[in-house]
Protein backbone atom coordinates (compact mmCIF):
# COMPACT_ATOMS: atom_id res chain seq x y z
CA MET A 1 151.05 107.61 108.93
CA ASP A 2 148.99 107.73 106.17
CA ASN A 3 148.70 103.70 106.35
CA LEU A 4 147.24 104.57 110.36
CA ILE A 5 144.84 107.58 108.66
CA VAL A 6 143.54 105.15 106.33
CA ILE A 7 142.58 102.38 109.22
CA GLY A 8 140.64 104.51 111.25
CA ILE A 9 138.40 105.57 108.20
CA LEU A 10 137.53 102.34 107.81
CA LEU A 11 137.73 101.65 111.12
CA VAL A 12 134.41 104.51 112.18
CA ILE A 13 132.88 102.97 108.50
CA VAL A 14 133.02 98.80 109.83
CA GLY A 15 131.57 100.73 112.99
CA ALA A 16 129.08 102.44 111.86
CA ALA A 17 127.73 100.34 109.53
CA VAL A 18 127.73 98.26 112.93
CA LEU A 19 125.94 100.60 114.74
CA TYR A 20 123.59 100.74 112.12
CA ILE A 21 122.19 96.78 112.54
CA TRP A 22 122.41 96.68 115.79
CA LYS A 23 119.76 99.27 116.27
CA GLU A 24 117.86 97.84 113.47
CA LYS A 25 117.69 93.96 114.71
CA LYS A 26 116.71 96.05 117.68
CA LYS A 27 113.85 98.00 116.81
CA GLY A 28 112.87 94.06 114.73
CA THR A 29 113.29 95.53 111.90
CA ARG A 30 113.61 91.36 109.76
CA CYS A 31 115.33 92.94 107.07
CA ILE A 32 118.19 95.46 107.00
CA GLY A 33 118.27 97.36 103.97
CA CYS A 34 114.46 95.91 102.16
CA PRO A 35 112.69 99.41 101.60
CA ALA A 36 109.07 97.33 103.68
CA ALA A 37 110.78 96.29 106.19
CA GLY A 38 109.59 98.01 109.31
CA HIS A 39 106.68 96.82 107.33
CA CYS A 40 106.57 93.25 106.74
CA SER A 41 104.12 90.61 108.02
CA SER A 42 104.59 87.62 110.23
CA ASN A 43 106.58 85.95 107.43
CA GLY A 44 109.17 88.19 107.35
CA CYS A 45 111.39 89.07 104.48
CA GLY A 46 112.63 86.64 102.75
CA LYS A 47 111.70 83.52 104.26
CA ALA A 48 111.22 81.04 102.30
CA LYS A 49 109.56 84.38 99.72
CA GLU A 50 111.53 85.87 97.23
CA ASN A 51 113.98 88.46 98.09
CA CYS A 52 113.44 91.04 100.24
CA ASN A 53 109.34 92.15 98.64
CA CYS A 54 107.29 91.12 100.95
CA HIS A 55 104.66 90.16 99.02
CA THR A 56 103.19 94.00 98.84
CA ASP A 57 101.94 93.74 95.13
CA SER A 58 98.48 93.39 94.76
CA ASN A 59 98.33 90.56 92.49
């Protein structure tokens, strides 16, 4: 019985993560988890750029 509870909790967590990713991709977010993901240029975060900073610094 304990195993079923643990499996159920894990399924809920994984399902919530998949739902979150699906909703963010549907909104057009390029880099899910990037603090500036909604403000990235057309190049996108991480594409031929370093990590996920969208090069918003003032250098």
